C-alpha atoms as a PDB file:
ATOM      1  CA  MET A   1    -259.652   0.197 103.018  1.00  0.00           C
ATOM      2  CA  ARG A   2    -256.829  -1.744 101.284  1.00  0.00           C
ATOM      3  CA  VAL A   3    -256.824   0.679  98.358  1.00  0.00           C
ATOM      4  CA  THR A   4    -256.454   3.590 100.762  1.00  0.00           C
ATOM      5  CA  LEU A   5    -253.520   1.920 102.480  1.00  0.00           C
ATOM      6  CA  PHE A   6    -251.896   1.353  99.091  1.00  0.00           C
ATOM      7  CA  LEU A   7    -252.463   4.882  97.784  1.00  0.00           C
ATOM      8  CA  LEU A   8    -251.482   6.707 100.967  1.00  0.00           C
ATOM      9  CA  PRO A   9    -247.714   6.034 100.605  1.00  0.00           C
ATOM     10  CA  LEU A  10    -247.860   7.073  96.943  1.00  0.00           C
ATOM     11  CA  LEU A  11    -249.524  10.346  97.805  1.00  0.00           C
ATOM     12  CA  ALA A  12    -246.995  10.940 100.560  1.00  0.00           C
ATOM     13  CA  GLY A  13    -244.363  10.922  97.834  1.00  0.00           C
ATOM     14  CA  CYS A  14    -246.032  13.945  96.266  1.00  0.00           C
ATOM     15  CA  SER A  15    -244.685  16.401  98.810  1.00  0.00           C
ATOM     16  CA  GLY A  16    -243.091  19.613  97.657  1.00  0.00           C
ATOM     17  CA  GLU A  17    -239.819  18.771  99.376  1.00  0.00           C
ATOM     18  CA  ALA A  18    -236.775  17.867  97.337  1.00  0.00           C
ATOM     19  CA  ASN A  19    -235.645  14.270  97.204  1.00  0.00           C
ATOM     20  CA  HIS A  20    -233.427  12.263  94.909  1.00  0.00           C
ATOM     21  CA  LEU A  21    -236.205   9.961  93.704  1.00  0.00           C
ATOM     22  CA  GLY A  22    -238.716  12.544  92.558  1.00  0.00           C
ATOM     23  CA  ASN A  23    -242.443  12.072  92.486  1.00  0.00           C
ATOM     24  CA  PRO A  24    -243.259   8.342  92.373  1.00  0.00           C
ATOM     25  CA  LEU A  25    -246.312   9.015  90.226  1.00  0.00           C
ATOM     26  CA  LEU A  26    -243.979  10.336  87.516  1.00  0.00           C
ATOM     27  CA  TRP A  27    -241.469   7.452  87.632  1.00  0.00           C
ATOM     28  CA  PRO A  28    -242.767   5.742  84.476  1.00  0.00           C
ATOM     29  CA  VAL A  29    -242.474   8.974  82.479  1.00  0.00           C
ATOM     30  CA  THR A  30    -239.112   9.803  84.027  1.00  0.00           C
ATOM     31  CA  GLY A  31    -237.825   6.326  83.216  1.00  0.00           C
ATOM     32  CA  LEU A  32    -238.850   6.600  79.577  1.00  0.00           C
ATOM     33  CA  SER A  33    -237.353  10.054  79.134  1.00  0.00           C
ATOM     34  CA  THR A  34    -234.111   8.973  80.810  1.00  0.00           C
ATOM     35  CA  ALA A  35    -233.879   5.962  78.506  1.00  0.00           C
ATOM     36  CA  ALA A  36    -234.396   8.187  75.456  1.00  0.00           C
ATOM     37  CA  GLU A  37    -231.786  10.696  76.662  1.00  0.00           C
ATOM     38  CA  ASN A  38    -229.282   7.894  77.310  1.00  0.00           C
ATOM     39  CA  ALA A  39    -229.852   6.422  73.860  1.00  0.00           C
ATOM     40  CA  ALA A  40    -229.297   9.812  72.196  1.00  0.00           C
ATOM     41  CA  TYR A  41    -226.150  10.447  74.260  1.00  0.00           C
ATOM     42  CA  ASN A  42    -224.742   6.994  73.467  1.00  0.00           C
ATOM     43  CA  ALA A  43    -225.376   7.481  69.749  1.00  0.00           C
ATOM     44  CA  ARG A  44    -223.622  10.866  69.771  1.00  0.00           C
ATOM     45  CA  ARG A  45    -220.727   9.449  71.822  1.00  0.00           C
ATOM     46  CA  GLY A  46    -220.371   6.637  69.291  1.00  0.00           C
ATOM     47  CA  GLN A  47    -220.138   9.173  66.457  1.00  0.00           C
ATOM     48  CA  VAL A  48    -217.459  11.148  68.324  1.00  0.00           C
ATOM     49  CA  GLU A  49    -215.546   7.939  69.007  1.00  0.00           C
ATOM     50  CA  VAL A  50    -215.571   6.992  65.319  1.00  0.00           C
ATOM     51  CA  ILE A  51    -214.282  10.443  64.328  1.00  0.00           C
ATOM     52  CA  VAL A  52    -211.520  10.380  66.946  1.00  0.00           C
ATOM     53  CA  LYS A  53    -210.356   6.813  66.336  1.00  0.00           C
ATOM     54  CA  THR A  54    -210.552   7.048  62.538  1.00  0.00           C
ATOM     55  CA  ASN A  55    -208.620  10.329  62.400  1.00  0.00           C
ATOM     56  CA  PHE A  56    -206.560  10.072  65.582  1.00  0.00           C
ATOM     57  CA  ASP A  57    -203.230  11.302  64.211  1.00  0.00           C
ATOM     58  CA  GLN A  58    -204.899  14.227  62.431  1.00  0.00           C
ATOM     59  CA  ILE A  59    -206.967  15.225  65.450  1.00  0.00           C
ATOM     60  CA  ILE A  60    -203.822  15.266  67.619  1.00  0.00           C
ATOM     61  CA  ALA A  61    -202.144  17.452  64.970  1.00  0.00           C
ATOM     62  CA  ASP A  62    -205.215  19.738  65.001  1.00  0.00           C
ATOM     63  CA  ILE A  63    -204.976  20.091  68.775  1.00  0.00           C
ATOM     64  CA  VAL A  64    -201.271  20.964  68.533  1.00  0.00           C
ATOM     65  CA  ALA A  65    -202.041  23.501  65.779  1.00  0.00           C
ATOM     66  CA  GLY A  66    -204.837  25.084  67.803  1.00  0.00           C
ATOM     67  CA  GLY A  67    -207.625  23.876  65.512  1.00  0.00           C
ATOM     68  CA  GLY A  68    -208.417  22.140  62.283  1.00  0.00           C
ATOM     69  CA  ASP A  69    -211.121  20.463  60.253  1.00  0.00           C
ATOM     70  CA  VAL A  70    -211.155  17.116  62.055  1.00  0.00           C
ATOM     71  CA  LEU A  71    -211.096  18.703  65.509  1.00  0.00           C
ATOM     72  CA  THR A  72    -213.929  21.012  64.431  1.00  0.00           C
ATOM     73  CA  GLN A  73    -215.918  18.012  63.187  1.00  0.00           C
ATOM     74  CA  ALA A  74    -215.399  16.203  66.512  1.00  0.00           C
ATOM     75  CA  MET A  75    -216.388  19.308  68.475  1.00  0.00           C
ATOM     76  CA  ASP A  76    -219.478  19.805  66.301  1.00  0.00           C
ATOM     77  CA  THR A  77    -220.538  16.204  66.871  1.00  0.00           C
ATOM     78  CA  ALA A  78    -219.879  16.466  70.624  1.00  0.00           C
ATOM     79  CA  ARG A  79    -221.924  19.708  70.611  1.00  0.00           C
ATOM     80  CA  ILE A  80    -219.255  21.875  72.196  1.00  0.00           C
ATOM     81  CA  PRO A  81    -220.536  25.472  72.065  1.00  0.00           C
ATOM     82  CA  ASP A  82    -218.603  27.725  69.674  1.00  0.00           C
ATOM     83  CA  ALA A  83    -217.880  30.224  72.451  1.00  0.00           C
ATOM     84  CA  ASP A  84    -216.210  27.495  74.560  1.00  0.00           C
ATOM     85  CA  ARG A  85    -213.988  26.067  71.843  1.00  0.00           C
ATOM     86  CA  PRO A  86    -210.907  28.310  72.178  1.00  0.00           C
ATOM     87  CA  ALA A  87    -210.665  27.551  75.904  1.00  0.00           C
ATOM     88  CA  ARG A  88    -211.234  23.840  75.284  1.00  0.00           C
ATOM     89  CA  VAL A  89    -208.488  23.709  72.646  1.00  0.00           C
ATOM     90  CA  LEU A  90    -206.078  25.325  75.104  1.00  0.00           C
ATOM     91  CA  GLN A  91    -207.121  22.820  77.738  1.00  0.00           C
ATOM     92  CA  MET A  92    -206.579  19.916  75.326  1.00  0.00           C
ATOM     93  CA  GLN A  93    -203.160  21.315  74.425  1.00  0.00           C
ATOM     94  CA  ARG A  94    -202.219  21.337  78.116  1.00  0.00           C
ATOM     95  CA  ASP A  95    -203.481  17.753  78.504  1.00  0.00           C
ATOM     96  CA  LEU A  96    -201.979  16.507  75.237  1.00  0.00           C
ATOM     97  CA  ALA A  97    -199.750  13.925  76.950  1.00  0.00           C
ATOM     98  CA  LEU A  98    -202.881  12.267  78.319  1.00  0.00           C
ATOM     99  CA  TYR A  99    -204.556  12.059  74.912  1.00  0.00           C
ATOM    100  CA  GLN A 100    -201.594  11.057  72.724  1.00  0.00           C
ATOM    101  CA  GLY A 101    -201.699   7.442  73.819  1.00  0.00           C
ATOM    102  CA  ASN A 102    -205.357   7.235  74.747  1.00  0.00           C
ATOM    103  CA  PRO A 103    -208.041   8.058  72.182  1.00  0.00           C
ATOM    104  CA  GLY A 104    -210.711   7.006  74.675  1.00  0.00           C
ATOM    105  CA  ALA A 105    -209.652   9.779  77.047  1.00  0.00           C
ATOM    106  CA  LEU A 106    -210.001  12.300  74.221  1.00  0.00           C
ATOM    107  CA  VAL A 107    -213.505  11.015  73.443  1.00  0.00           C
ATOM    108  CA  VAL A 108    -214.478  11.386  77.097  1.00  0.00           C
ATOM    109  CA  ALA A 109    -213.059  14.919  77.252  1.00  0.00           C
ATOM    110  CA  LEU A 110    -214.942  15.982  74.133  1.00  0.00           C
ATOM    111  CA  MET A 111    -218.202  14.566  75.471  1.00  0.00           C
ATOM    112  CA  VAL A 112    -217.717  16.258  78.843  1.00  0.00           C
ATOM    113  CA  TYR A 113    -217.003  19.580  77.144  1.00  0.00           C
ATOM    114  CA  GLY A 114    -220.117  19.115  75.034  1.00  0.00           C
ATOM    115  CA  GLY A 115    -222.280  18.508  78.062  1.00  0.00           C
END
């Protein structure tokens, strides 16, 4: 009887209706996959941050010029699709005043563009 009372709420969570928590029976798997995805994202973000902060003056010059080796390297690392890059460079040129004094903002923008 106690086992039934314990399992009944868990099974109720298995409905086909959408919710923000998902199926409680899958929480352990979901938690592990989320942790792995976060670790991969953080590692990639760290690589982008190193590129931007190490080559900040050159990457700003690349943005002004409409492209360049360091900007391409940062976009490759951030995984910005090739088809999106021309539009993203134009967007960064428009927002240049924001990035010139704030390398962190440029890192965030690159990561957002990369998805």
